[in-house]
Amino acid sequence: MLTKDKIKKTIDSLPDNFTIEDVIEELIVIDKIEQGLKDIEEGNVYTTEEVKQRLSKWLK
């Protein structure tokens, strides 16, 4: 979950001139990274073998 503090830090890390799209893109990236880390902590991950099995029909 994004907090005001994280949003402020994100905006502070951007150059002086930026677009709304720049902010949104940065926030989306941060949110996706946090979601991924949460999935790892909760064990919601696949092994390499599981991924290969799931994608085998496309990886021929």
PDB file of N, CA and C in Angstrom:
ATOM      1  N   MET A   1       0.833  -1.171   0.000  1.00  0.00           N
ATOM      2  CA  MET A   1       0.000   0.000   0.000  1.00  0.00           C
ATOM      3  C   MET A   1       0.885   1.244   0.000  1.00  0.00           C
ATOM      4  N   LEU A   2       0.517   2.188  -0.821  1.00  0.00           N
ATOM      5  CA  LEU A   2       1.246   3.449  -0.851  1.00  0.00           C
ATOM      6  C   LEU A   2       0.807   4.339   0.305  1.00  0.00           C
ATOM      7  N   THR A   3       1.753   5.036   0.868  1.00  0.00           N
ATOM      8  CA  THR A   3       1.448   5.978   1.931  1.00  0.00           C
ATOM      9  C   THR A   3       1.782   7.383   1.453  1.00  0.00           C
ATOM     10  N   LYS A   4       1.306   8.368   2.174  1.00  0.00           N
ATOM     11  CA  LYS A   4       1.625   9.751   1.822  1.00  0.00           C
ATOM     12  C   LYS A   4       3.135   9.967   1.804  1.00  0.00           C
ATOM     13  N   ASP A   5       3.812   9.367   2.770  1.00  0.00           N
ATOM     14  CA  ASP A   5       5.260   9.518   2.857  1.00  0.00           C
ATOM     15  C   ASP A   5       5.946   8.973   1.609  1.00  0.00           C
ATOM     16  N   LYS A   6       5.520   7.797   1.147  1.00  0.00           N
ATOM     17  CA  LYS A   6       6.113   7.211  -0.056  1.00  0.00           C
ATOM     18  C   LYS A   6       5.832   8.069  -1.283  1.00  0.00           C
ATOM     19  N   ILE A   7       4.639   8.619  -1.355  1.00  0.00           N
ATOM     20  CA  ILE A   7       4.283   9.477  -2.480  1.00  0.00           C
ATOM     21  C   ILE A   7       5.130  10.743  -2.455  1.00  0.00           C
ATOM     22  N   LYS A   8       5.299  11.328  -1.266  1.00  0.00           N
ATOM     23  CA  LYS A   8       6.137  12.519  -1.140  1.00  0.00           C
ATOM     24  C   LYS A   8       7.578  12.219  -1.545  1.00  0.00           C
ATOM     25  N   LYS A   9       8.102  11.087  -1.081  1.00  0.00           N
ATOM     26  CA  LYS A   9       9.480  10.713  -1.425  1.00  0.00           C
ATOM     27  C   LYS A   9       9.623  10.489  -2.925  1.00  0.00           C
ATOM     28  N   THR A  10       8.615   9.899  -3.539  1.00  0.00           N
ATOM     29  CA  THR A  10       8.647   9.670  -4.975  1.00  0.00           C
ATOM     30  C   THR A  10       8.692  10.997  -5.718  1.00  0.00           C
ATOM     31  N   ILE A  11       7.838  11.920  -5.328  1.00  0.00           N
ATOM     32  CA  ILE A  11       7.804  13.229  -5.978  1.00  0.00           C
ATOM     33  C   ILE A  11       9.125  13.955  -5.753  1.00  0.00           C
ATOM     34  N   ASP A  12       9.677  13.867  -4.550  1.00  0.00           N
ATOM     35  CA  ASP A  12      10.957  14.513  -4.265  1.00  0.00           C
ATOM     36  C   ASP A  12      12.099  13.933  -5.088  1.00  0.00           C
ATOM     37  N   SER A  13      11.987  12.675  -5.480  1.00  0.00           N
ATOM     38  CA  SER A  13      13.062  12.033  -6.241  1.00  0.00           C
ATOM     39  C   SER A  13      13.020  12.382  -7.729  1.00  0.00           C
ATOM     40  N   LEU A  14      11.917  12.965  -8.178  1.00  0.00           N
ATOM     41  CA  LEU A  14      11.784  13.337  -9.589  1.00  0.00           C
ATOM     42  C   LEU A  14      12.532  14.641  -9.868  1.00  0.00           C
ATOM     43  N   PRO A  15      12.882  14.864 -11.132  1.00  0.00           N
ATOM     44  CA  PRO A  15      13.518  16.141 -11.482  1.00  0.00           C
ATOM     45  C   PRO A  15      12.546  17.301 -11.227  1.00  0.00           C
ATOM     46  N   ASP A  16      13.057  18.519 -11.270  1.00  0.00           N
ATOM     47  CA  ASP A  16      12.214  19.688 -11.000  1.00  0.00           C
ATOM     48  C   ASP A  16      11.047  19.819 -11.970  1.00  0.00           C
ATOM     49  N   ASN A  17      11.252  19.420 -13.204  1.00  0.00           N
ATOM     50  CA  ASN A  17      10.185  19.482 -14.210  1.00  0.00           C
ATOM     51  C   ASN A  17       9.749  18.062 -14.545  1.00  0.00           C
ATOM     52  N   PHE A  18       8.499  17.762 -14.265  1.00  0.00           N
ATOM     53  CA  PHE A  18       7.979  16.430 -14.567  1.00  0.00           C
ATOM     54  C   PHE A  18       6.509  16.543 -14.917  1.00  0.00           C
ATOM     55  N   THR A  19       6.005  15.462 -15.513  1.00  0.00           N
ATOM     56  CA  THR A  19       4.600  15.424 -15.904  1.00  0.00           C
ATOM     57  C   THR A  19       3.831  14.542 -14.924  1.00  0.00           C
ATOM     58  N   ILE A  20       2.535  14.665 -14.969  1.00  0.00           N
ATOM     59  CA  ILE A  20       1.686  13.794 -14.158  1.00  0.00           C
ATOM     60  C   ILE A  20       1.938  12.340 -14.533  1.00  0.00           C
ATOM     61  N   GLU A  21       2.163  12.085 -15.815  1.00  0.00           N
ATOM     62  CA  GLU A  21       2.446  10.715 -16.266  1.00  0.00           C
ATOM     63  C   GLU A  21       3.704  10.173 -15.600  1.00  0.00           C
ATOM     64  N   ASP A  22       4.729  11.015 -15.417  1.00  0.00           N
ATOM     65  CA  ASP A  22       5.956  10.591 -14.740  1.00  0.00           C
ATOM     66  C   ASP A  22       5.655  10.141 -13.316  1.00  0.00           C
ATOM     67  N   VAL A  23       4.846  10.915 -12.611  1.00  0.00           N
ATOM     68  CA  VAL A  23       4.496  10.577 -11.232  1.00  0.00           C
ATOM     69  C   VAL A  23       3.704   9.277 -11.196  1.00  0.00           C
ATOM     70  N   ILE A  24       2.720   9.170 -12.057  1.00  0.00           N
ATOM     71  CA  ILE A  24       1.884   7.963 -12.082  1.00  0.00           C
ATOM     72  C   ILE A  24       2.733   6.734 -12.397  1.00  0.00           C
ATOM     73  N   GLU A  25       3.627   6.853 -13.362  1.00  0.00           N
ATOM     74  CA  GLU A  25       4.487   5.721 -13.728  1.00  0.00           C
ATOM     75  C   GLU A  25       5.358   5.294 -12.538  1.00  0.00           C
ATOM     76  N   GLU A  26       5.950   6.245 -11.858  1.00  0.00           N
ATOM     77  CA  GLU A  26       6.785   5.927 -10.695  1.00  0.00           C
ATOM     78  C   GLU A  26       5.960   5.259  -9.596  1.00  0.00           C
ATOM     79  N   LEU A  27       4.776   5.779  -9.336  1.00  0.00           N
ATOM     80  CA  LEU A  27       3.929   5.210  -8.292  1.00  0.00           C
ATOM     81  C   LEU A  27       3.473   3.800  -8.645  1.00  0.00           C
ATOM     82  N   ILE A  28       3.180   3.564  -9.910  1.00  0.00           N
ATOM     83  CA  ILE A  28       2.785   2.219 -10.344  1.00  0.00           C
ATOM     84  C   ILE A  28       3.932   1.245 -10.144  1.00  0.00           C
ATOM     85  N   VAL A  29       5.146   1.655 -10.515  1.00  0.00           N
ATOM     86  CA  VAL A  29       6.312   0.789 -10.348  1.00  0.00           C
ATOM     87  C   VAL A  29       6.513   0.456  -8.872  1.00  0.00           C
ATOM     88  N   ILE A  30       6.461   1.464  -8.021  1.00  0.00           N
ATOM     89  CA  ILE A  30       6.633   1.239  -6.583  1.00  0.00           C
ATOM     90  C   ILE A  30       5.554   0.299  -6.055  1.00  0.00           C
ATOM     91  N   ASP A  31       4.314   0.506  -6.466  1.00  0.00           N
ATOM     92  CA  ASP A  31       3.213  -0.340  -6.019  1.00  0.00           C
ATOM     93  C   ASP A  31       3.411  -1.787  -6.474  1.00  0.00           C
ATOM     94  N   LYS A  32       3.832  -1.986  -7.724  1.00  0.00           N
ATOM     95  CA  LYS A  32       4.043  -3.347  -8.228  1.00  0.00           C
ATOM     96  C   LYS A  32       5.179  -4.043  -7.494  1.00  0.00           C
ATOM     97  N   ILE A  33       6.242  -3.303  -7.185  1.00  0.00           N
ATOM     98  CA  ILE A  33       7.356  -3.884  -6.435  1.00  0.00           C
ATOM     99  C   ILE A  33       6.880  -4.304  -5.046  1.00  0.00           C
ATOM    100  N   GLU A  34       6.117  -3.442  -4.391  1.00  0.00           N
ATOM    101  CA  GLU A  34       5.600  -3.775  -3.063  1.00  0.00           C
ATOM    102  C   GLU A  34       4.669  -4.986  -3.111  1.00  0.00           C
ATOM    103  N   GLN A  35       3.854  -5.072  -4.145  1.00  0.00           N
ATOM    104  CA  GLN A  35       2.975  -6.238  -4.289  1.00  0.00           C
ATOM    105  C   GLN A  35       3.796  -7.507  -4.453  1.00  0.00           C
ATOM    106  N   GLY A  36       4.865  -7.430  -5.249  1.00  0.00           N
ATOM    107  CA  GLY A  36       5.733  -8.586  -5.457  1.00  0.00           C
ATOM    108  C   GLY A  36       6.425  -9.017  -4.178  1.00  0.00           C
ATOM    109  N   LEU A  37       6.917  -8.056  -3.412  1.00  0.00           N
ATOM    110  CA  LEU A  37       7.566  -8.380  -2.144  1.00  0.00           C
ATOM    111  C   LEU A  37       6.576  -9.007  -1.165  1.00  0.00           C
ATOM    112  N   LYS A  38       5.352  -8.514  -1.167  1.00  0.00           N
ATOM    113  CA  LYS A  38       4.320  -9.092  -0.301  1.00  0.00           C
ATOM    114  C   LYS A  38       4.030 -10.531  -0.721  1.00  0.00           C
ATOM    115  N   ASP A  39       3.944 -10.770  -2.030  1.00  0.00           N
ATOM    116  CA  ASP A  39       3.717 -12.133  -2.521  1.00  0.00           C
ATOM    117  C   ASP A  39       4.838 -13.064  -2.079  1.00  0.00           C
ATOM    118  N   ILE A  40       6.071 -12.584  -2.135  1.00  0.00           N
ATOM    119  CA  ILE A  40       7.206 -13.406  -1.697  1.00  0.00           C
ATOM    120  C   ILE A  40       7.071 -13.743  -0.223  1.00  0.00           C
ATOM    121  N   GLU A  41       6.773 -12.734   0.590  1.00  0.00           N
ATOM    122  CA  GLU A  41       6.622 -12.958   2.035  1.00  0.00           C
ATOM    123  C   GLU A  41       5.520 -13.966   2.338  1.00  0.00           C
ATOM    124  N   GLU A  42       4.450 -13.941   1.548  1.00  0.00           N
ATOM    125  CA  GLU A  42       3.320 -14.840   1.776  1.00  0.00           C
ATOM    126  C   GLU A  42       3.486 -16.186   1.095  1.00  0.00           C
ATOM    127  N   GLY A  43       4.588 -16.359   0.374  1.00  0.00           N
ATOM    128  CA  GLY A  43       4.848 -17.631  -0.293  1.00  0.00           C
ATOM    129  C   GLY A  43       4.080 -17.814  -1.587  1.00  0.00           C
ATOM    130  N   ASN A  44       3.552 -16.749  -2.137  1.00  0.00           N
ATOM    131  CA  ASN A  44       2.803 -16.821  -3.396  1.00  0.00           C
ATOM    132  C   ASN A  44       3.761 -16.682  -4.582  1.00  0.00           C
ATOM    133  N   VAL A  45       4.589 -17.706  -4.752  1.00  0.00           N
ATOM    134  CA  VAL A  45       5.586 -17.699  -5.829  1.00  0.00           C
ATOM    135  C   VAL A  45       5.587 -19.056  -6.526  1.00  0.00           C
ATOM    136  N   TYR A  46       6.178 -19.090  -7.702  1.00  0.00           N
ATOM    137  CA  TYR A  46       6.318 -20.330  -8.456  1.00  0.00           C
ATOM    138  C   TYR A  46       7.786 -20.693  -8.558  1.00  0.00           C
ATOM    139  N   THR A  47       8.075 -21.988  -8.545  1.00  0.00           N
ATOM    140  CA  THR A  47       9.439 -22.442  -8.810  1.00  0.00           C
ATOM    141  C   THR A  47       9.675 -22.371 -10.314  1.00  0.00           C
ATOM    142  N   THR A  48      10.924 -22.473 -10.698  1.00  0.00           N
ATOM    143  CA  THR A  48      11.261 -22.463 -12.114  1.00  0.00           C
ATOM    144  C   THR A  48      10.556 -23.603 -12.833  1.00  0.00           C
ATOM    145  N   GLU A  49      10.503 -24.756 -12.207  1.00  0.00           N
ATOM    146  CA  GLU A  49       9.836 -25.914 -12.817  1.00  0.00           C
ATOM    147  C   GLU A  49       8.347 -25.656 -13.001  1.00  0.00           C
ATOM    148  N   GLU A  50       7.707 -25.071 -12.013  1.00  0.00           N
ATOM    149  CA  GLU A  50       6.280 -24.763 -12.127  1.00  0.00           C
ATOM    150  C   GLU A  50       6.020 -23.781 -13.272  1.00  0.00           C
ATOM    151  N   VAL A  51       6.885 -22.816 -13.402  1.00  0.00           N
ATOM    152  CA  VAL A  51       6.734 -21.839 -14.488  1.00  0.00           C
ATOM    153  C   VAL A  51       6.913 -22.533 -15.833  1.00  0.00           C
ATOM    154  N   LYS A  52       7.926 -23.374 -15.944  1.00  0.00           N
ATOM    155  CA  LYS A  52       8.157 -24.095 -17.201  1.00  0.00           C
ATOM    156  C   LYS A  52       6.942 -24.952 -17.559  1.00  0.00           C
ATOM    157  N   GLN A  53       6.362 -25.634 -16.568  1.00  0.00           N
ATOM    158  CA  GLN A  53       5.183 -26.457 -16.828  1.00  0.00           C
ATOM    159  C   GLN A  53       4.011 -25.617 -17.276  1.00  0.00           C
ATOM    160  N   ARG A  54       3.796 -24.489 -16.614  1.00  0.00           N
ATOM    161  CA  ARG A  54       2.657 -23.637 -16.950  1.00  0.00           C
ATOM    162  C   ARG A  54       2.814 -23.010 -18.335  1.00  0.00           C
ATOM    163  N   LEU A  55       4.051 -22.723 -18.720  1.00  0.00           N
ATOM    164  CA  LEU A  55       4.278 -22.030 -19.998  1.00  0.00           C
ATOM    165  C   LEU A  55       4.726 -22.979 -21.114  1.00  0.00           C
ATOM    166  N   SER A  56       4.761 -24.271 -20.834  1.00  0.00           N
ATOM    167  CA  SER A  56       5.313 -25.230 -21.807  1.00  0.00           C
ATOM    168  C   SER A  56       4.603 -25.174 -23.157  1.00  0.00           C
ATOM    169  N   LYS A  57       3.312 -24.917 -23.173  1.00  0.00           N
ATOM    170  CA  LYS A  57       2.597 -24.895 -24.454  1.00  0.00           C
ATOM    171  C   LYS A  57       3.012 -23.685 -25.300  1.00  0.00           C
ATOM    172  N   TRP A  58       3.571 -22.636 -24.674  1.00  0.00           N
ATOM    173  CA  TRP A  58       4.011 -21.467 -25.427  1.00  0.00           C
ATOM    174  C   TRP A  58       5.516 -21.455 -25.672  1.00  0.00           C
ATOM    175  N   LEU A  59       6.254 -22.294 -24.966  1.00  0.00           N
ATOM    176  CA  LEU A  59       7.705 -22.278 -25.057  1.00  0.00           C
ATOM    177  C   LEU A  59       8.269 -23.430 -25.887  1.00  0.00           C
ATOM    178  N   LYS A  60       7.533 -23.900 -26.826  1.00  0.00           N
ATOM    179  CA  LYS A  60       7.991 -25.041 -27.639  1.00  0.00           C
ATOM    180  C   LYS A  60       9.008 -24.625 -28.638  1.00  0.00           C
TER     181      LYS A  60
END
